[in-house]
Protein backbone atom coordinates (compact mmCIF):
# COMPACT_ATOMS: atom_id res chain seq x y z
CA UNK A 1 -18.55 10.66 16.75
CA UNK A 2 -22.40 10.08 17.52
CA UNK A 3 -23.38 6.99 20.02
CA UNK A 4 -21.96 6.10 22.92
CA UNK A 5 -18.63 5.36 23.23
CA UNK A 6 -18.64 2.47 25.65
CA UNK A 7 -21.21 0.55 27.28
CA UNK A 8 -21.36 -2.10 29.51
CA UNK A 9 -23.38 -5.31 28.69
CA UNK A 10 -24.16 -6.60 31.65
CA UNK A 11 -21.50 -5.52 35.11
CA UNK A 12 -21.97 -7.15 38.46
CA UNK A 13 -19.05 -5.18 40.89
CA UNK A 14 -19.30 -8.91 43.07
CA UNK A 15 -17.41 -10.64 40.50
CA UNK A 16 -19.71 -13.23 39.63
CA UNK A 17 -20.57 -14.86 36.33
CA UNK A 18 -22.66 -12.85 34.05
CA UNK A 19 -23.31 -13.03 30.80
CA UNK A 20 -24.18 -10.37 28.27
CA UNK A 21 -25.59 -10.69 24.84
CA UNK A 22 -22.15 -11.01 22.98
CA UNK A 23 -22.45 -14.66 24.83
CA UNK A 24 -19.17 -13.98 26.56
CA UNK A 25 -19.20 -15.05 30.17
CA UNK A 26 -18.08 -12.25 32.51
CA UNK A 27 -18.60 -8.28 32.88
CA UNK A 28 -18.82 -7.55 29.17
CA UNK A 29 -18.19 -3.80 27.78
CA UNK A 30 -18.29 -2.56 24.01
CA UNK A 31 -16.49 0.31 22.69
CA UNK A 32 -16.01 2.23 19.92
CA UNK A 33 -13.86 5.06 18.35
CA UNK A 34 -14.03 6.46 14.73
CA UNK A 35 -10.64 6.82 12.39
CA UNK A 36 -9.22 9.89 10.23
CA UNK A 37 -8.69 10.40 6.75
CA UNK A 38 -4.91 11.57 7.21
CA UNK A 39 -4.39 15.33 8.38
CA UNK A 40 -5.67 18.91 7.57
CA UNK A 41 -2.30 20.28 8.80
CA UNK A 42 0.78 18.41 10.27
CA UNK A 43 4.51 19.62 11.22
CA UNK A 44 6.21 21.22 14.08
CA UNK A 45 4.85 24.09 16.67
CA UNK A 46 5.86 25.52 19.63
CA UNK A 47 3.92 24.33 23.00
CA UNK A 48 2.94 26.41 25.62
CA UNK A 49 6.73 26.78 27.07
CA UNK A 50 8.04 27.99 23.91
CA UNK A 51 9.54 24.62 22.76
CA UNK A 52 9.28 22.66 19.13
CA UNK A 53 6.57 20.01 19.70
CA UNK A 54 5.48 17.85 16.50
CA UNK A 55 1.49 18.12 15.91
CA UNK A 56 -1.16 17.34 14.07
CA UNK A 57 -4.96 17.89 13.22
CA UNK A 58 -6.71 15.29 11.39
CA UNK A 59 -9.68 15.00 9.01
CA UNK A 60 -12.58 12.56 10.81
CA UNK A 61 -14.23 10.13 8.72
CA UNK A 62 -17.89 9.87 9.70
CA UNK A 63 -19.38 6.02 10.20
CA UNK A 64 -16.28 4.45 10.03
CA UNK A 65 -14.03 3.04 12.73
CA UNK A 66 -13.07 0.10 15.12
CA UNK A 67 -15.78 -1.83 18.07
CA UNK A 68 -14.22 -3.81 20.82
CA UNK A 69 -16.14 -6.09 22.97
CA UNK A 70 -14.00 -6.85 26.16
CA UNK A 71 -15.08 -9.45 28.81
CA UNK A 72 -13.47 -9.68 32.31
CA UNK A 73 -12.48 -12.84 33.94
CA UNK A 74 -12.52 -11.44 37.77
CA UNK A 75 -9.82 -13.43 39.26
CA UNK A 76 -8.07 -14.71 36.50
CA UNK A 77 -4.09 -13.29 36.25
CA UNK A 78 -4.00 -9.79 34.79
CA UNK A 79 -1.38 -11.38 32.31
CA UNK A 80 -4.26 -13.80 30.75
CA UNK A 81 -5.53 -11.65 27.93
CA UNK A 82 -6.26 -12.81 24.89
CA UNK A 83 -7.28 -10.45 21.74
CA UNK A 84 -9.03 -11.68 18.57
CA UNK A 85 -7.72 -11.32 15.74
CA UNK A 86 -4.01 -12.29 16.94
CA UNK A 87 -2.40 -10.04 15.00
CA UNK A 88 -3.86 -7.06 17.08
CA UNK A 89 -1.06 -6.52 19.45
CA UNK A 90 -1.58 -2.86 19.66
CA UNK A 91 -4.50 -3.46 21.02
CA UNK A 92 -4.39 -5.98 23.25
CA UNK A 93 -1.13 -4.35 25.10
CA UNK A 94 -3.70 -1.02 25.37
CA UNK A 95 -6.31 -3.42 26.71
CA UNK A 96 -4.13 -4.37 29.35
CA UNK A 97 -2.75 -0.99 30.68
CA UNK A 98 -6.54 -0.28 30.88
CA UNK A 99 -7.39 -3.12 32.89
CA UNK A 100 -4.76 -1.70 35.52
CA UNK A 101 -5.77 1.65 35.30
CA UNK A 102 -9.85 0.96 35.65
CA UNK A 103 -8.80 -1.93 38.68
CA UNK A 104 -7.23 1.25 40.41
CA UNK A 105 -10.05 3.70 39.77
CA UNK A 106 -12.74 1.22 40.98
CA UNK A 107 -10.96 -0.86 43.70
CA UNK A 108 -11.19 -3.96 41.95
CA UNK A 109 -8.36 -6.56 41.28
CA UNK A 110 -6.83 -6.29 38.26
CA UNK A 111 -7.21 -9.35 36.21
CA UNK A 112 -7.44 -10.87 32.70
CA UNK A 113 -9.98 -10.94 29.82
CA UNK A 114 -10.49 -11.70 26.49
CA UNK A 115 -11.18 -8.91 24.14
CA UNK A 116 -12.39 -9.01 20.44
CA UNK A 117 -11.78 -6.18 17.57
CA UNK A 118 -13.44 -5.76 14.63
CA UNK A 119 -12.94 -2.17 12.08
CA UNK A 120 -13.73 -1.33 8.86
CA UNK A 121 -10.76 0.90 8.53
CA UNK A 122 -7.90 -0.44 6.04
CA UNK A 123 -4.39 -0.64 7.56
CA UNK A 124 -1.27 1.29 6.79
CA UNK A 125 -2.69 3.98 4.41
CA UNK A 126 -3.15 6.72 7.01
CA UNK A 127 -6.51 6.73 8.41
CA UNK A 128 -5.62 5.54 12.21
CA UNK A 129 -6.42 1.80 11.86
CA UNK A 130 -4.31 0.95 14.57
CA UNK A 131 -5.08 4.40 17.08
CA UNK A 132 -8.83 3.67 16.27
CA UNK A 133 -8.49 -0.37 17.19
CA UNK A 134 -6.38 0.78 20.35
CA UNK A 135 -9.37 3.46 21.79
CA UNK A 136 -12.08 0.99 20.89
CA UNK A 137 -10.13 -1.76 23.14
CA UNK A 138 -9.81 0.93 25.87
CA UNK A 139 -13.29 2.17 26.02
CA UNK A 140 -14.73 -1.34 25.52
CA UNK A 141 -12.19 -2.23 28.91
CA UNK A 142 -13.67 0.64 30.76
CA UNK A 143 -17.24 0.09 30.07
CA UNK A 144 -16.62 -3.29 31.48
CA UNK A 145 -15.37 -1.70 34.64
CA UNK A 146 -18.47 0.59 34.44
CA UNK A 147 -16.19 3.64 34.34
CA UNK A 148 -15.67 6.42 31.62
CA UNK A 149 -11.96 7.56 31.02
CA UNK A 150 -10.91 10.83 30.56
CA UNK A 151 -9.70 11.13 27.28
CA UNK A 152 -6.72 13.08 28.43
CA UNK A 153 -5.98 9.21 30.21
CA UNK A 154 -7.36 7.43 26.99
CA UNK A 155 -4.64 9.37 24.96
CA UNK A 156 -1.90 8.46 27.34
CA UNK A 157 -2.98 5.06 27.10
CA UNK A 158 -2.96 4.69 23.89
CA UNK A 159 1.02 6.58 23.24
CA UNK A 160 2.11 3.56 26.37
CA UNK A 161 0.40 0.94 23.89
CA UNK A 162 1.53 2.34 20.53
CA UNK A 163 4.09 4.95 21.42
CA UNK A 164 2.32 7.68 19.03
CA UNK A 165 -1.13 7.82 18.57
CA UNK A 166 -3.74 9.97 16.25
CA UNK A 167 -6.52 12.52 18.37
CA UNK A 168 -9.63 10.09 17.79
CA UNK A 169 -10.31 10.18 21.52
CA UNK A 170 -11.19 13.46 21.29
CA UNK A 171 -14.91 14.11 19.80
CA UNK A 172 -16.31 17.38 18.00
CA UNK A 173 -13.81 20.17 18.24
CA UNK A 174 -10.58 20.37 15.92
CA UNK A 175 -7.00 20.37 18.01
CA UNK A 176 -3.78 20.59 17.31
CA UNK A 177 -2.56 17.06 19.07
CA UNK A 178 0.93 15.90 20.01
CA UNK A 179 0.74 12.57 19.21
CA UNK A 180 4.11 11.19 20.28
CA UNK A 181 3.13 12.98 23.59
CA UNK A 182 -0.24 12.51 24.40
CA UNK A 183 -1.25 16.06 24.65
CA UNK A 184 -3.36 18.85 22.83
CA UNK A 185 -1.39 21.73 22.07
CA UNK A 186 -4.60 23.93 21.26
CA UNK A 187 -8.18 23.34 20.82
CA UNK A 188 -10.00 25.41 17.94
CA UNK A 189 -13.38 25.67 19.72
CA UNK A 190 -14.93 24.49 17.18
CA UNK A 191 -15.48 21.36 14.75
CA UNK A 192 -13.60 21.70 11.17
CA UNK A 193 -16.10 23.88 8.89
CA UNK A 194 -18.21 21.24 7.07
CA UNK A 195 -16.61 20.27 3.74
CA UNK A 196 -16.76 17.29 1.20
CA UNK A 197 -14.05 15.17 1.08
CA UNK A 198 -13.29 13.38 -2.70
CA UNK A 199 -11.28 10.12 -1.41
CA UNK A 200 -8.63 8.82 -3.39
CA UNK A 201 -5.20 6.28 -2.89
CA UNK A 202 -1.55 7.63 -3.54
CA UNK A 203 1.07 5.37 -4.11
CA UNK A 204 -0.45 2.56 -5.14
CA UNK A 205 -2.12 1.89 -1.26
CA UNK A 206 1.65 0.10 -0.10
CA UNK A 207 1.36 0.85 3.97
CA UNK A 208 3.60 2.95 5.47
CA UNK A 209 5.57 2.88 8.67
CA UNK A 210 4.80 5.76 10.62
CA UNK A 211 7.49 5.86 13.35
CA UNK A 212 10.36 5.42 11.10
CA UNK A 213 9.31 9.12 9.11
CA UNK A 214 11.67 11.74 9.76
CA UNK A 215 10.21 14.62 11.61
CA UNK A 216 10.27 18.72 10.13
CA UNK A 217 13.12 20.42 11.79
CA UNK A 218 12.78 23.22 14.06
CA UNK A 219 13.70 25.76 11.92
CA UNK A 220 10.32 25.00 10.31
CA UNK A 221 8.41 26.40 13.14
CA UNK A 222 7.55 30.13 11.95
CA UNK A 223 6.11 28.93 8.84
CA UNK A 224 4.04 25.66 10.36
CA UNK A 225 2.87 28.57 13.38
CA UNK A 226 1.78 30.45 10.42
CA UNK A 227 -0.28 27.93 9.44
CA UNK A 228 -1.87 27.08 12.82
CA UNK A 229 -3.10 30.71 12.70
CA UNK A 230 -4.62 30.81 9.18
CA UNK A 231 -6.54 27.13 10.44
CA UNK A 232 -7.66 28.71 13.75
CA UNK A 233 -8.64 31.18 11.63
CA UNK A 234 -10.41 28.63 8.97
CA UNK A 235 -12.22 27.16 11.80
CA UNK A 236 -13.75 30.33 13.52
CA UNK A 237 -14.97 31.90 10.26
CA UNK A 238 -15.94 28.74 8.51
CA UNK A 239 -13.80 29.69 5.87
CA UNK A 240 -13.21 26.80 3.31
CA UNK A 241 -11.03 28.68 1.45
CA UNK A 242 -8.78 29.09 4.24
CA UNK A 243 -9.36 25.78 5.11
CA UNK A 244 -8.09 24.37 1.31
CA UNK A 245 -5.32 26.79 1.38
CA UNK A 246 -3.99 25.26 4.73
CA UNK A 247 -4.50 21.73 3.57
CA UNK A 248 -2.59 21.98 0.83
CA UNK A 249 0.40 23.80 1.92
CA UNK A 250 0.70 21.29 4.47
CA UNK A 251 0.76 18.65 1.74
CA UNK A 252 3.23 20.80 -0.30
CA UNK A 253 5.50 20.80 2.94
CA UNK A 254 5.25 16.60 4.17
CA UNK A 255 6.80 16.50 0.37
CA UNK A 256 10.34 16.38 1.58
CA UNK A 257 9.35 13.32 4.45
CA UNK A 258 7.36 11.70 2.22
CA UNK A 259 6.79 12.61 -1.02
CA UNK A 260 3.76 12.09 -3.47
CA UNK A 261 4.63 11.93 -6.92
CA UNK A 262 0.51 12.58 -7.57
CA UNK A 263 0.35 15.39 -5.25
CA UNK A 264 0.96 17.46 -8.53
CA UNK A 265 -1.45 15.60 -10.07
CA UNK A 266 -4.23 16.39 -7.45
CA UNK A 267 -3.87 19.78 -6.94
CA UNK A 268 -4.10 20.17 -10.94
CA UNK A 269 -7.45 18.57 -10.85
CA UNK A 270 -8.58 20.12 -7.54
CA UNK A 271 -7.87 23.48 -9.49
CA UNK A 272 -10.14 22.08 -12.36
CA UNK A 273 -13.07 20.88 -10.54
CA UNK A 274 -13.67 23.96 -8.59
CA UNK A 275 -12.02 21.80 -5.14
CA UNK A 276 -11.04 24.10 -2.32
CA UNK A 277 -7.73 22.16 -1.54
CA UNK A 278 -6.25 18.98 -1.64
CA UNK A 279 -5.70 17.14 1.77
CA UNK A 280 -3.34 14.04 2.38
CA UNK A 281 -1.96 11.51 4.76
CA UNK A 282 1.11 12.94 6.03
CA UNK A 283 2.02 9.50 7.20
CA UNK A 284 0.07 7.10 4.79
CA UNK A 285 -1.12 7.08 0.90
CA UNK A 286 -5.02 8.31 1.23
CA UNK A 287 -5.46 11.67 -0.05
CA UNK A 288 -8.60 13.80 -0.68
CA UNK A 289 -9.99 16.66 -2.48
CA UNK A 290 -12.11 19.13 -0.64
CA UNK A 291 -15.16 20.64 -2.08
CA UNK A 292 -17.41 23.69 -0.79
CA UNK A 293 -20.89 21.59 0.52
CA UNK A 294 -22.47 24.41 -0.90
CA UNK A 295 -21.39 24.60 -4.40
CA UNK A 296 -24.65 24.38 -6.86
CA UNK A 297 -22.94 22.08 -9.43
CA UNK A 298 -21.16 19.88 -6.72
CA UNK A 299 -22.29 16.64 -8.10
CA UNK A 300 -21.10 17.31 -11.70
CA UNK A 301 -17.60 18.63 -9.90
CA UNK A 302 -16.93 15.85 -8.30
CA UNK A 303 -17.77 13.27 -11.07
CA UNK A 304 -15.63 15.22 -13.39
CA UNK A 305 -12.65 15.01 -10.70
CA UNK A 306 -13.40 11.54 -10.24
CA UNK A 307 -13.11 10.97 -13.54
CA UNK A 308 -9.91 12.45 -14.49
CA UNK A 309 -7.98 11.16 -11.07
CA UNK A 310 -9.28 7.60 -12.21
CA UNK A 311 -7.68 8.11 -15.85
CA UNK A 312 -4.15 8.70 -14.23
CA UNK A 313 -4.34 5.59 -12.11
CA UNK A 314 -5.39 6.96 -8.89
CA UNK A 315 -8.27 4.61 -7.36
CA UNK A 316 -10.87 6.77 -5.95
CA UNK A 317 -13.19 5.80 -2.89
CA UNK A 318 -15.64 6.83 -1.38
CA UNK A 319 -16.96 10.35 -1.20
CA UNK A 320 -18.02 12.01 2.14
CA UNK A 321 -19.04 14.91 4.13
CA UNK A 322 -17.73 16.28 7.78
């Protein structure tokens, strides 16, 4: 993610009235969070204690996400916290938890406030829209207090607010993240290799309730540990071929949990257009073909793949590079 994660418009420790550029009264903070394009790898892995744990590695989407503005109202009851749009309940819960956390850190009394959230992330198709809202809200609250919360604290708040979250608070390096436990299982030391993604939508774009999906059984741990090791190698060597193999195999294994009838088609089009693999949202309907950005005929490959997908009824979205 580029740019600041949170900025205070104006801030006074004495709790006096100020007016920020947003037009709100009171100390104002602004926060941003990115979104993702589903997962490169998701399954069940061993944690540092040798216990099975659900984990995932997401595929970031540059330039897309949620922005939140929070105005504190010093002296108001802590439970008097409103949000717009009114249906962003998870973001409101996260903001309330963040207010308590920041008040404890600064010594300021908890108070109410008003939260506004704006995002350009499609809802319910596996791009982390709710987590993006939640993290943007937490960062906005923190900015209004003049503090910067560590990623692990933001993760804990996000899980408390929505029971499971994506690792959108981790900037830069790729990581295997336990989404329901708010902890990193492994940092891979560097970002995912540069790759071009041709995005499309499966399942008619129908929303998926993430929390109702089953999980891989413990007997699958050895297979996922092999994929984890392969991904570690792919990141270390910037090996796009290996990255594509890991992503494709993870998508195949996820068929037992959230079947995508279009996966065979995605794989055929990928093979016919010279893509290095396919990638899917393991708890949503967004999917993509992965291409080497250094391919000399990349524009032709992308056009050919997009035509084939569209001809078979798969809506093709943006093309982006990480």
